[in-house]
Amino acid sequence: MSDSSAAHSYQMNAARGASPVGQVVALYDTILRDLRRALNAADAGDVETRVFELNHALTVIAHLRSVLDHARGGEAAKRFQRFYDITRAMILTANVSGSRSELQKLIDLYTGMRQAWEHADRLLRPADSARAPVAEQGTSSARDEQTSAGNWNA
């Protein structure tokens, strides 16, 4: 098994065991990895790899945008949709121009957002742990489980 396939396997297993917010963090990690690879490819003059990596980032962003829950997420979901729309346009611009500065701006934006999601995941994790003994005792309802932080959507 190569180092990259071992890393991919590890990331897939980690994402399966992650909370919903942790899964968002993992998707942001993927976007950041794509953007960094695209930046390296742009520096090396490798247009094919730059385009491939940016197209993959666009696919992940499209997925994140498609799972936004506007009914439950309200204003936050609208803001995330706007963020994804703006960064999608920035990626398309960088894809055509190969602009290093545009790619760096995207990396900075997604790094900040990833940190915020990771912070939210840490804040929500203790709440999930505190509910676990109640669920084991059979006192929680299916409705409680559906509205727990473990099923949170933006």
C-alpha atoms as a PDB file:
ATOM      1  CA  MET A   1       0.000   0.000   0.000  1.00  0.00           C
ATOM      2  CA  SER A   2       1.463   3.388  -0.969  1.00  0.00           C
ATOM      3  CA  ASP A   3       1.777   6.241   1.508  1.00  0.00           C
ATOM      4  CA  SER A   4      -1.010   8.217  -0.204  1.00  0.00           C
ATOM      5  CA  SER A   5      -3.441   5.279  -0.278  1.00  0.00           C
ATOM      6  CA  ALA A   6      -2.622   4.508   3.368  1.00  0.00           C
ATOM      7  CA  ALA A   7      -3.329   8.132   4.259  1.00  0.00           C
ATOM      8  CA  HIS A   8      -6.556   8.050   2.259  1.00  0.00           C
ATOM      9  CA  SER A   9      -7.647   4.853   4.013  1.00  0.00           C
ATOM     10  CA  TYR A  10      -6.876   6.375   7.405  1.00  0.00           C
ATOM     11  CA  GLN A  11      -8.844   9.528   6.554  1.00  0.00           C
ATOM     12  CA  MET A  12     -11.833   7.522   5.327  1.00  0.00           C
ATOM     13  CA  ASN A  13     -11.926   5.461   8.527  1.00  0.00           C
ATOM     14  CA  ALA A  14     -11.573   8.581  10.679  1.00  0.00           C
ATOM     15  CA  ALA A  15     -14.407  10.307   8.803  1.00  0.00           C
ATOM     16  CA  ARG A  16     -16.716   7.301   9.290  1.00  0.00           C
ATOM     17  CA  GLY A  17     -16.267   7.536  13.054  1.00  0.00           C
ATOM     18  CA  ALA A  18     -16.515  11.325  13.203  1.00  0.00           C
ATOM     19  CA  SER A  19     -19.451  13.376  14.384  1.00  0.00           C
ATOM     20  CA  PRO A  20     -21.414  15.217  11.672  1.00  0.00           C
ATOM     21  CA  VAL A  21     -19.428  18.368  12.479  1.00  0.00           C
ATOM     22  CA  GLY A  22     -16.230  16.299  12.427  1.00  0.00           C
ATOM     23  CA  GLN A  23     -17.202  15.119   8.948  1.00  0.00           C
ATOM     24  CA  VAL A  24     -17.460  18.746   7.836  1.00  0.00           C
ATOM     25  CA  VAL A  25     -13.964  19.314   9.252  1.00  0.00           C
ATOM     26  CA  ALA A  26     -12.728  16.327   7.227  1.00  0.00           C
ATOM     27  CA  LEU A  27     -14.286  17.788   4.060  1.00  0.00           C
ATOM     28  CA  TYR A  28     -12.595  21.127   4.733  1.00  0.00           C
ATOM     29  CA  ASP A  29      -9.321  19.213   5.153  1.00  0.00           C
ATOM     30  CA  THR A  30      -9.913  17.716   1.706  1.00  0.00           C
ATOM     31  CA  ILE A  31     -10.583  21.145   0.190  1.00  0.00           C
ATOM     32  CA  LEU A  32      -7.440  22.548   1.798  1.00  0.00           C
ATOM     33  CA  ARG A  33      -5.361  19.611   0.552  1.00  0.00           C
ATOM     34  CA  ASP A  34      -6.741  20.164  -2.970  1.00  0.00           C
ATOM     35  CA  LEU A  35      -5.996  23.890  -2.826  1.00  0.00           C
ATOM     36  CA  ARG A  36      -2.443  23.341  -1.576  1.00  0.00           C
ATOM     37  CA  ARG A  37      -1.786  20.781  -4.295  1.00  0.00           C
ATOM     38  CA  ALA A  38      -3.191  23.203  -6.868  1.00  0.00           C
ATOM     39  CA  LEU A  39      -0.905  25.941  -5.526  1.00  0.00           C
ATOM     40  CA  ASN A  40       2.118  23.645  -5.757  1.00  0.00           C
ATOM     41  CA  ALA A  41       1.096  22.648  -9.284  1.00  0.00           C
ATOM     42  CA  ALA A  42       0.687  26.307 -10.265  1.00  0.00           C
ATOM     43  CA  ASP A  43       4.170  27.035  -8.918  1.00  0.00           C
ATOM     44  CA  ALA A  44       5.532  24.120 -10.948  1.00  0.00           C
ATOM     45  CA  GLY A  45       3.678  25.168 -14.108  1.00  0.00           C
ATOM     46  CA  ASP A  46       1.662  21.919 -14.050  1.00  0.00           C
ATOM     47  CA  VAL A  47      -1.656  23.095 -15.475  1.00  0.00           C
ATOM     48  CA  GLU A  48      -3.200  19.610 -15.660  1.00  0.00           C
ATOM     49  CA  THR A  49      -2.679  18.895 -11.949  1.00  0.00           C
ATOM     50  CA  ARG A  50      -3.800  22.418 -10.961  1.00  0.00           C
ATOM     51  CA  VAL A  51      -7.046  21.995 -12.878  1.00  0.00           C
ATOM     52  CA  PHE A  52      -7.615  18.470 -11.531  1.00  0.00           C
ATOM     53  CA  GLU A  53      -7.131  19.558  -7.895  1.00  0.00           C
ATOM     54  CA  LEU A  54      -9.309  22.645  -8.254  1.00  0.00           C
ATOM     55  CA  ASN A  55     -12.058  20.619  -9.924  1.00  0.00           C
ATOM     56  CA  HIS A  56     -11.963  18.174  -7.014  1.00  0.00           C
ATOM     57  CA  ALA A  57     -12.235  21.071  -4.541  1.00  0.00           C
ATOM     58  CA  LEU A  58     -15.259  22.303  -6.501  1.00  0.00           C
ATOM     59  CA  THR A  59     -16.869  18.867  -6.208  1.00  0.00           C
ATOM     60  CA  VAL A  60     -16.420  18.830  -2.426  1.00  0.00           C
ATOM     61  CA  ILE A  61     -17.766  22.384  -2.131  1.00  0.00           C
ATOM     62  CA  ALA A  62     -20.783  21.418  -4.256  1.00  0.00           C
ATOM     63  CA  HIS A  63     -21.451  18.541  -1.854  1.00  0.00           C
ATOM     64  CA  LEU A  64     -21.196  20.817   1.195  1.00  0.00           C
ATOM     65  CA  ARG A  65     -23.558  23.279  -0.473  1.00  0.00           C
ATOM     66  CA  SER A  66     -26.028  20.543  -1.389  1.00  0.00           C
ATOM     67  CA  VAL A  67     -26.395  19.281   2.190  1.00  0.00           C
ATOM     68  CA  LEU A  68     -27.161  22.670   3.726  1.00  0.00           C
ATOM     69  CA  ASP A  69     -30.445  22.442   5.639  1.00  0.00           C
ATOM     70  CA  HIS A  70     -32.102  25.791   5.006  1.00  0.00           C
ATOM     71  CA  ALA A  71     -35.196  24.869   7.024  1.00  0.00           C
ATOM     72  CA  ARG A  72     -33.238  24.194  10.206  1.00  0.00           C
ATOM     73  CA  GLY A  73     -30.125  26.255   9.476  1.00  0.00           C
ATOM     74  CA  GLY A  74     -31.874  29.541   8.703  1.00  0.00           C
ATOM     75  CA  GLU A  75     -29.526  32.489   8.359  1.00  0.00           C
ATOM     76  CA  ALA A  76     -26.415  30.355   8.983  1.00  0.00           C
ATOM     77  CA  ALA A  77     -27.287  28.108   6.029  1.00  0.00           C
ATOM     78  CA  LYS A  78     -27.771  31.183   3.827  1.00  0.00           C
ATOM     79  CA  ARG A  79     -24.362  32.517   4.869  1.00  0.00           C
ATOM     80  CA  PHE A  80     -22.642  29.199   4.213  1.00  0.00           C
ATOM     81  CA  GLN A  81     -24.317  29.021   0.801  1.00  0.00           C
ATOM     82  CA  ARG A  82     -23.017  32.514   0.019  1.00  0.00           C
ATOM     83  CA  PHE A  83     -19.512  31.560   1.230  1.00  0.00           C
ATOM     84  CA  TYR A  84     -19.524  28.471  -1.001  1.00  0.00           C
ATOM     85  CA  ASP A  85     -20.807  30.491  -3.981  1.00  0.00           C
ATOM     86  CA  ILE A  86     -18.131  33.158  -3.546  1.00  0.00           C
ATOM     87  CA  THR A  87     -15.300  30.677  -3.100  1.00  0.00           C
ATOM     88  CA  ARG A  88     -16.557  28.650  -6.065  1.00  0.00           C
ATOM     89  CA  ALA A  89     -16.251  31.778  -8.213  1.00  0.00           C
ATOM     90  CA  MET A  90     -12.756  32.413  -6.810  1.00  0.00           C
ATOM     91  CA  ILE A  91     -11.723  28.845  -7.685  1.00  0.00           C
ATOM     92  CA  LEU A  92     -13.047  29.215 -11.220  1.00  0.00           C
ATOM     93  CA  THR A  93     -11.044  32.437 -11.583  1.00  0.00           C
ATOM     94  CA  ALA A  94      -7.910  30.768 -10.206  1.00  0.00           C
ATOM     95  CA  ASN A  95      -8.498  27.784 -12.478  1.00  0.00           C
ATOM     96  CA  VAL A  96      -8.426  29.989 -15.555  1.00  0.00           C
ATOM     97  CA  SER A  97      -5.737  32.434 -14.488  1.00  0.00           C
ATOM     98  CA  GLY A  98      -3.505  30.187 -12.396  1.00  0.00           C
ATOM     99  CA  SER A  99      -3.277  33.075  -9.922  1.00  0.00           C
ATOM    100  CA  ARG A 100      -1.109  32.171  -6.963  1.00  0.00           C
ATOM    101  CA  SER A 101      -2.564  35.028  -4.868  1.00  0.00           C
ATOM    102  CA  GLU A 102      -6.134  33.860  -5.517  1.00  0.00           C
ATOM    103  CA  LEU A 103      -5.219  30.327  -4.439  1.00  0.00           C
ATOM    104  CA  GLN A 104      -3.552  31.659  -1.283  1.00  0.00           C
ATOM    105  CA  LYS A 105      -6.676  33.709  -0.440  1.00  0.00           C
ATOM    106  CA  LEU A 106      -8.762  30.554  -0.793  1.00  0.00           C
ATOM    107  CA  ILE A 107      -6.399  28.618   1.465  1.00  0.00           C
ATOM    108  CA  ASP A 108      -6.607  31.384   4.060  1.00  0.00           C
ATOM    109  CA  LEU A 109     -10.424  31.476   3.902  1.00  0.00           C
ATOM    110  CA  TYR A 110     -10.864  27.724   4.205  1.00  0.00           C
ATOM    111  CA  THR A 111      -8.233  27.495   6.947  1.00  0.00           C
ATOM    112  CA  GLY A 112     -10.181  29.995   9.053  1.00  0.00           C
ATOM    113  CA  MET A 113     -13.480  28.233   8.409  1.00  0.00           C
ATOM    114  CA  ARG A 114     -11.951  24.846   9.189  1.00  0.00           C
ATOM    115  CA  GLN A 115     -10.670  26.155  12.511  1.00  0.00           C
ATOM    116  CA  ALA A 116     -14.143  27.429  13.380  1.00  0.00           C
ATOM    117  CA  TRP A 117     -15.737  24.063  12.528  1.00  0.00           C
ATOM    118  CA  GLU A 118     -13.093  22.228  14.542  1.00  0.00           C
ATOM    119  CA  HIS A 119     -13.788  24.504  17.520  1.00  0.00           C
ATOM    120  CA  ALA A 120     -17.518  23.810  17.198  1.00  0.00           C
ATOM    121  CA  ASP A 121     -16.816  20.077  17.080  1.00  0.00           C
ATOM    122  CA  ARG A 122     -14.804  20.284  20.314  1.00  0.00           C
ATOM    123  CA  LEU A 123     -17.595  22.268  22.000  1.00  0.00           C
ATOM    124  CA  LEU A 124     -20.277  19.793  20.908  1.00  0.00           C
ATOM    125  CA  ARG A 125     -18.347  16.640  21.762  1.00  0.00           C
ATOM    126  CA  PRO A 126     -18.729  16.859  25.573  1.00  0.00           C
ATOM    127  CA  ALA A 127     -22.480  17.372  25.153  1.00  0.00           C
ATOM    128  CA  ASP A 128     -22.694  14.152  23.123  1.00  0.00           C
ATOM    129  CA  SER A 129     -20.657  12.279  25.738  1.00  0.00           C
ATOM    130  CA  ALA A 130     -22.894  13.520  28.539  1.00  0.00           C
ATOM    131  CA  ARG A 131     -25.987  12.169  26.766  1.00  0.00           C
ATOM    132  CA  ALA A 132     -24.480   8.753  26.073  1.00  0.00           C
ATOM    133  CA  PRO A 133     -25.261   7.215  29.519  1.00  0.00           C
ATOM    134  CA  VAL A 134     -28.893   8.332  29.220  1.00  0.00           C
ATOM    135  CA  ALA A 135     -29.236   6.614  25.841  1.00  0.00           C
ATOM    136  CA  GLU A 136     -27.682   3.448  27.235  1.00  0.00           C
ATOM    137  CA  GLN A 137     -30.274   3.398  30.012  1.00  0.00           C
ATOM    138  CA  GLY A 138     -32.991   3.534  27.370  1.00  0.00           C
ATOM    139  CA  THR A 139     -34.535   6.777  28.618  1.00  0.00           C
ATOM    140  CA  SER A 140     -34.005   8.859  25.478  1.00  0.00           C
ATOM    141  CA  SER A 141     -36.578   8.928  22.742  1.00  0.00           C
ATOM    142  CA  ALA A 142     -35.976   8.668  19.006  1.00  0.00           C
ATOM    143  CA  ARG A 143     -36.997  12.315  18.732  1.00  0.00           C
ATOM    144  CA  ASP A 144     -34.297  13.318  21.269  1.00  0.00           C
ATOM    145  CA  GLU A 145     -31.715  11.424  19.233  1.00  0.00           C
ATOM    146  CA  GLN A 146     -32.802  13.137  16.011  1.00  0.00           C
ATOM    147  CA  THR A 147     -32.433  16.592  17.530  1.00  0.00           C
ATOM    148  CA  SER A 148     -29.126  15.931  19.270  1.00  0.00           C
ATOM    149  CA  ALA A 149     -25.951  17.661  18.196  1.00  0.00           C
ATOM    150  CA  GLY A 150     -24.955  14.400  16.541  1.00  0.00           C
ATOM    151  CA  ASN A 151     -27.544  15.058  13.843  1.00  0.00           C
ATOM    152  CA  TRP A 152     -26.882  18.754  13.443  1.00  0.00           C
ATOM    153  CA  ASN A 153     -27.135  20.377  10.016  1.00  0.00           C
ATOM    154  CA  ALA A 154     -26.485  23.931   8.916  1.00  0.00           C
END
